[in-house]
Amino acid sequence: MLATAMELQRQNYVSKKSPSDSNKPIAFVLMPFRDPFDKYYRAIIMPAIEDAGRRSLRADQIFGPTEIVMIWKAINEAEIIIAELTTRNPNVMYELAFSHAIGKPVIMLSQSLGRPF
């Protein structure tokens, strides 16, 4: 059931891309995959990335037999990384550390100034 839902989501994402999207630089977004972050991504982050002439990509839009390798590849190929750090999600922190280690430019977001990361 979950695999079917994930495949439908992937097909929906792929069908929305135009041929010119594949030529756009990638902004890879690191964030939790649940609401309210999903809504925040669709309503604010993704439109901002697209308005900047980039293609937005999140790890939940990548499917393959070895997802960590696919995430590593996406981070390497991305022009810029955007990391949502409000919840201090361990996966986001790991991917952020990797991004820093290979010298990727990173935009770090947090929804609260009083909550250091």
C-alpha atoms as a PDB file:
ATOM      1  CA  MET A   1       0.000   0.000   0.000  1.00  0.00           C
ATOM      2  CA  LEU A   2       2.729   2.474   0.987  1.00  0.00           C
ATOM      3  CA  ALA A   3       4.829   1.552  -2.058  1.00  0.00           C
ATOM      4  CA  THR A   4       1.832   2.185  -4.324  1.00  0.00           C
ATOM      5  CA  ALA A   5       1.183   5.572  -2.726  1.00  0.00           C
ATOM      6  CA  MET A   6       4.837   6.542  -3.101  1.00  0.00           C
ATOM      7  CA  GLU A   7       4.866   5.505  -6.761  1.00  0.00           C
ATOM      8  CA  LEU A   8       1.717   7.552  -7.449  1.00  0.00           C
ATOM      9  CA  GLN A   9       3.341  10.561  -5.769  1.00  0.00           C
ATOM     10  CA  ARG A  10       6.479  10.103  -7.893  1.00  0.00           C
ATOM     11  CA  GLN A  11       4.421   9.853 -11.095  1.00  0.00           C
ATOM     12  CA  ASN A  12       2.488  12.972 -10.133  1.00  0.00           C
ATOM     13  CA  TYR A  13       5.771  14.855  -9.546  1.00  0.00           C
ATOM     14  CA  VAL A  14       7.296  13.640 -12.812  1.00  0.00           C
ATOM     15  CA  SER A  15       4.182  14.460 -14.844  1.00  0.00           C
ATOM     16  CA  LYS A  16       4.255  18.081 -13.639  1.00  0.00           C
ATOM     17  CA  LYS A  17       7.766  18.680 -14.945  1.00  0.00           C
ATOM     18  CA  SER A  18       8.159  20.236 -18.339  1.00  0.00           C
ATOM     19  CA  PRO A  19      11.054  19.235 -20.625  1.00  0.00           C
ATOM     20  CA  SER A  20      12.800  22.524 -19.841  1.00  0.00           C
ATOM     21  CA  ASP A  21      12.794  21.678 -16.108  1.00  0.00           C
ATOM     22  CA  SER A  22      15.540  19.102 -16.573  1.00  0.00           C
ATOM     23  CA  ASN A  23      17.875  21.888 -17.723  1.00  0.00           C
ATOM     24  CA  LYS A  24      17.295  24.029 -14.632  1.00  0.00           C
ATOM     25  CA  PRO A  25      19.766  23.953 -11.728  1.00  0.00           C
ATOM     26  CA  ILE A  26      18.511  21.948  -8.749  1.00  0.00           C
ATOM     27  CA  ALA A  27      17.774  23.370  -5.317  1.00  0.00           C
ATOM     28  CA  PHE A  28      17.692  20.330  -3.029  1.00  0.00           C
ATOM     29  CA  VAL A  29      15.469  20.813   0.012  1.00  0.00           C
ATOM     30  CA  LEU A  30      16.202  19.055   3.308  1.00  0.00           C
ATOM     31  CA  MET A  31      13.190  18.914   5.607  1.00  0.00           C
ATOM     32  CA  PRO A  32      10.844  16.542   7.460  1.00  0.00           C
ATOM     33  CA  PHE A  33       8.161  14.847   5.349  1.00  0.00           C
ATOM     34  CA  ARG A  34       5.006  15.609   7.290  1.00  0.00           C
ATOM     35  CA  ASP A  35       2.595  18.453   7.869  1.00  0.00           C
ATOM     36  CA  PRO A  36       2.947  21.322   8.447  1.00  0.00           C
ATOM     37  CA  PHE A  37       6.261  21.068   6.568  1.00  0.00           C
ATOM     38  CA  ASP A  38       4.672  19.486   3.469  1.00  0.00           C
ATOM     39  CA  LYS A  39       2.240  22.417   3.192  1.00  0.00           C
ATOM     40  CA  TYR A  40       5.032  24.919   3.844  1.00  0.00           C
ATOM     41  CA  TYR A  41       7.115  23.282   1.096  1.00  0.00           C
ATOM     42  CA  ARG A  42       4.310  23.346  -1.493  1.00  0.00           C
ATOM     43  CA  ALA A  43       3.029  26.837  -0.642  1.00  0.00           C
ATOM     44  CA  ILE A  44       6.251  28.757   0.039  1.00  0.00           C
ATOM     45  CA  ILE A  45       9.549  26.983  -0.613  1.00  0.00           C
ATOM     46  CA  MET A  46       8.828  25.292  -3.945  1.00  0.00           C
ATOM     47  CA  PRO A  47       7.246  28.398  -5.563  1.00  0.00           C
ATOM     48  CA  ALA A  48      10.164  30.562  -4.374  1.00  0.00           C
ATOM     49  CA  ILE A  49      12.685  28.127  -5.859  1.00  0.00           C
ATOM     50  CA  GLU A  50      10.809  27.979  -9.152  1.00  0.00           C
ATOM     51  CA  ASP A  51      10.497  31.797  -9.253  1.00  0.00           C
ATOM     52  CA  ALA A  52      14.293  31.897  -8.917  1.00  0.00           C
ATOM     53  CA  GLY A  53      14.604  29.752 -12.060  1.00  0.00           C
ATOM     54  CA  ARG A  54      15.579  26.565 -10.222  1.00  0.00           C
ATOM     55  CA  ARG A  55      14.035  23.118  -9.983  1.00  0.00           C
ATOM     56  CA  SER A  56      12.967  22.137  -6.482  1.00  0.00           C
ATOM     57  CA  LEU A  57      13.694  18.606  -5.284  1.00  0.00           C
ATOM     58  CA  ARG A  58      13.128  16.821  -1.950  1.00  0.00           C
ATOM     59  CA  ALA A  59      14.360  13.386  -0.925  1.00  0.00           C
ATOM     60  CA  ASP A  60      10.805  12.003  -0.873  1.00  0.00           C
ATOM     61  CA  GLN A  61      10.664  12.701  -4.620  1.00  0.00           C
ATOM     62  CA  ILE A  62      13.629  10.393  -5.217  1.00  0.00           C
ATOM     63  CA  PHE A  63      12.974   6.692  -5.576  1.00  0.00           C
ATOM     64  CA  GLY A  64      15.454   3.916  -6.025  1.00  0.00           C
ATOM     65  CA  PRO A  65      16.760   0.712  -4.505  1.00  0.00           C
ATOM     66  CA  THR A  66      19.406   2.573  -2.514  1.00  0.00           C
ATOM     67  CA  GLU A  67      17.814   5.813  -1.362  1.00  0.00           C
ATOM     68  CA  ILE A  68      20.824   7.090   0.604  1.00  0.00           C
ATOM     69  CA  VAL A  69      22.925   6.837  -2.556  1.00  0.00           C
ATOM     70  CA  MET A  70      20.228   8.714  -4.472  1.00  0.00           C
ATOM     71  CA  ILE A  71      20.160  11.453  -1.807  1.00  0.00           C
ATOM     72  CA  TRP A  72      23.966  11.683  -1.911  1.00  0.00           C
ATOM     73  CA  LYS A  73      23.776  12.057  -5.702  1.00  0.00           C
ATOM     74  CA  ALA A  74      21.068  14.735  -5.471  1.00  0.00           C
ATOM     75  CA  ILE A  75      23.095  16.742  -2.948  1.00  0.00           C
ATOM     76  CA  ASN A  76      26.176  16.484  -5.174  1.00  0.00           C
ATOM     77  CA  GLU A  77      24.261  17.605  -8.266  1.00  0.00           C
ATOM     78  CA  ALA A  78      22.360  20.413  -6.571  1.00  0.00           C
ATOM     79  CA  GLU A  79      23.405  23.992  -7.136  1.00  0.00           C
ATOM     80  CA  ILE A  80      22.190  24.949  -3.664  1.00  0.00           C
ATOM     81  CA  ILE A  81      20.836  23.230  -0.562  1.00  0.00           C
ATOM     82  CA  ILE A  82      17.915  24.540   1.488  1.00  0.00           C
ATOM     83  CA  ALA A  83      17.606  23.044   4.979  1.00  0.00           C
ATOM     84  CA  GLU A  84      14.565  23.424   7.260  1.00  0.00           C
ATOM     85  CA  LEU A  85      16.024  23.029  10.772  1.00  0.00           C
ATOM     86  CA  THR A  86      13.107  23.886  13.068  1.00  0.00           C
ATOM     87  CA  THR A  87      12.619  20.354  14.416  1.00  0.00           C
ATOM     88  CA  ARG A  88      16.288  19.307  14.429  1.00  0.00           C
ATOM     89  CA  ASN A  89      15.392  16.215  12.406  1.00  0.00           C
ATOM     90  CA  PRO A  90      18.327  13.720  12.460  1.00  0.00           C
ATOM     91  CA  ASN A  91      18.091  12.945   8.736  1.00  0.00           C
ATOM     92  CA  VAL A  92      18.072  16.641   7.870  1.00  0.00           C
ATOM     93  CA  MET A  93      21.087  17.221  10.141  1.00  0.00           C
ATOM     94  CA  TYR A  94      22.994  14.327   8.537  1.00  0.00           C
ATOM     95  CA  GLU A  95      22.266  15.588   5.027  1.00  0.00           C
ATOM     96  CA  LEU A  96      23.150  19.153   6.093  1.00  0.00           C
ATOM     97  CA  ALA A  97      26.513  17.969   7.468  1.00  0.00           C
ATOM     98  CA  PHE A  98      27.218  16.149   4.219  1.00  0.00           C
ATOM     99  CA  SER A  99      26.314  19.272   2.241  1.00  0.00           C
ATOM    100  CA  HIS A 100      28.709  21.363   4.309  1.00  0.00           C
ATOM    101  CA  ALA A 101      31.451  18.743   4.025  1.00  0.00           C
ATOM    102  CA  ILE A 102      31.424  18.891   0.222  1.00  0.00           C
ATOM    103  CA  GLY A 103      31.209  22.685   0.169  1.00  0.00           C
ATOM    104  CA  LYS A 104      27.663  23.190  -1.105  1.00  0.00           C
ATOM    105  CA  PRO A 105      26.092  26.606  -0.509  1.00  0.00           C
ATOM    106  CA  VAL A 106      23.324  26.162   2.071  1.00  0.00           C
ATOM    107  CA  ILE A 107      20.350  28.287   3.091  1.00  0.00           C
ATOM    108  CA  MET A 108      19.272  27.315   6.608  1.00  0.00           C
ATOM    109  CA  LEU A 109      15.674  27.988   7.685  1.00  0.00           C
ATOM    110  CA  SER A 110      14.149  27.920  11.146  1.00  0.00           C
ATOM    111  CA  GLN A 111      10.671  28.966  12.162  1.00  0.00           C
ATOM    112  CA  SER A 112      11.731  30.361  15.534  1.00  0.00           C
ATOM    113  CA  LEU A 113      14.511  32.786  16.393  1.00  0.00           C
ATOM    114  CA  GLY A 114      14.482  31.632  20.018  1.00  0.00           C
ATOM    115  CA  ARG A 115      15.281  28.041  19.121  1.00  0.00           C
ATOM    116  CA  PRO A 116      18.944  27.654  18.204  1.00  0.00           C
ATOM    117  CA  PHE A 117      19.976  24.713  16.092  1.00  0.00           C
END
